[in-house]
Amino acid sequence: YLEEKLDGLTEKYDMIEGRRGIGLMQGLVCKGPVGDIINNAMEKGLILINAGVNIIRIVPPLIIEKEHVDEMVDILDKCLAEM
C-alpha cells in the first residue's frame, strides 16, 4: 500500500525521478536537493530524513495502518506541491 501511494506521488510530480526500496523502507529519488522538502514536512509533523542530497528516506514504524500511510502521503504531497 505504501509503495502504491509513493508511486502515485512519483507520477504526479516531475521533480521525483522514482521510488526505490523494500517493504516499509522506501526512498523517493528527486532531481534536486530535498532539504527544504524535509524541513517543510517536519514543520507539518512528518519526520523524514535524507539519504544523500537528493533522496527522501521514508521509514515508518513497523506497525502502521493505511490511515497513517494516507496521512503521511497527504503531508508529503502538500510539501511537494509547495516547492
Protein backbone atom coordinates (compact mmCIF):
# COMPACT_ATOMS: atom_id res chain seq x y z
CA TYR A 1 0.00 0.00 0.00
CA LEU A 2 2.82 2.40 0.87
CA GLU A 3 4.63 1.66 -2.41
CA GLU A 4 1.41 2.29 -4.35
CA LYS A 5 0.90 5.66 -2.66
CA LEU A 6 4.51 6.73 -3.22
CA ASP A 7 4.31 5.65 -6.86
CA GLY A 8 1.31 7.98 -7.15
CA LEU A 9 3.45 10.89 -5.96
CA THR A 10 6.18 9.87 -8.41
CA GLU A 11 3.68 10.08 -11.27
CA LYS A 12 2.25 13.38 -10.03
CA TYR A 13 5.48 15.35 -9.60
CA ASP A 14 8.16 15.81 -12.26
CA MET A 15 10.71 16.60 -9.55
CA ILE A 16 10.59 12.93 -8.43
CA GLU A 17 12.58 10.61 -10.65
CA GLY A 18 11.47 7.40 -8.99
CA ARG A 19 10.80 5.32 -5.91
CA ARG A 20 13.03 2.60 -4.59
CA GLY A 21 13.17 0.42 -1.56
CA ILE A 22 11.90 -2.78 0.02
CA GLY A 23 8.85 -3.10 2.21
CA LEU A 24 8.47 -0.14 4.54
CA MET A 25 11.99 1.17 3.87
CA GLN A 26 11.40 3.46 0.91
CA GLY A 27 13.09 6.34 -0.83
CA LEU A 28 11.98 8.95 -3.33
CA VAL A 29 14.76 9.92 -5.73
CA CYS A 30 14.42 13.60 -6.63
CA LYS A 31 16.03 15.71 -9.33
CA GLY A 32 17.44 18.20 -6.82
CA PRO A 33 18.21 18.75 -3.14
CA VAL A 34 15.48 17.62 -0.72
CA GLY A 35 16.43 19.60 2.39
CA ASP A 36 13.62 22.14 2.01
CA ILE A 37 11.03 19.41 1.48
CA ILE A 38 12.21 17.57 4.62
CA ASN A 39 12.17 20.76 6.70
CA ASN A 40 8.70 21.67 5.44
CA ALA A 41 7.44 18.18 6.30
CA MET A 42 8.92 18.47 9.80
CA GLU A 43 7.01 21.72 10.33
CA LYS A 44 3.83 19.85 9.38
CA GLY A 45 4.53 16.99 11.81
CA LEU A 46 6.07 14.43 9.43
CA ILE A 47 9.57 13.24 10.23
CA LEU A 48 11.59 12.38 7.13
CA ILE A 49 15.31 12.05 6.60
CA ASN A 50 17.52 12.26 3.58
CA ALA A 51 19.80 9.66 2.07
CA GLY A 52 22.28 11.83 0.26
CA VAL A 53 21.39 15.17 -1.22
CA ASN A 54 18.51 14.11 -3.48
CA ILE A 55 16.72 11.20 -1.77
CA ILE A 56 13.87 11.45 0.71
CA ARG A 57 14.10 8.43 3.00
CA ILE A 58 10.80 7.15 4.41
CA VAL A 59 10.97 4.64 7.23
CA PRO A 60 7.62 4.42 9.05
CA PRO A 61 7.03 2.30 12.14
CA LEU A 62 6.83 -1.45 11.62
CA ILE A 63 3.22 -1.41 12.80
CA ILE A 64 1.32 1.07 10.66
CA GLU A 65 -2.21 1.23 9.32
CA LYS A 66 -3.49 2.52 6.00
CA GLU A 67 -4.87 5.68 7.62
CA HIS A 68 -1.37 6.54 8.84
CA VAL A 69 0.11 5.96 5.40
CA ASP A 70 -2.61 8.19 3.95
CA GLU A 71 -1.83 10.93 6.48
CA MET A 72 1.90 10.70 5.76
CA VAL A 73 1.41 10.82 1.98
CA ASP A 74 -1.02 13.76 2.28
CA ILE A 75 1.55 15.79 4.21
CA LEU A 76 4.30 14.86 1.78
CA ASP A 77 2.02 15.74 -1.14
CA LYS A 78 1.39 19.21 0.34
CA CYS A 79 5.12 19.75 0.86
CA LEU A 80 5.93 18.76 -2.71
CA ALA A 81 3.16 21.00 -4.07
CA GLU A 82 4.67 23.96 -2.23
CA MET A 83 8.06 23.51 -3.92
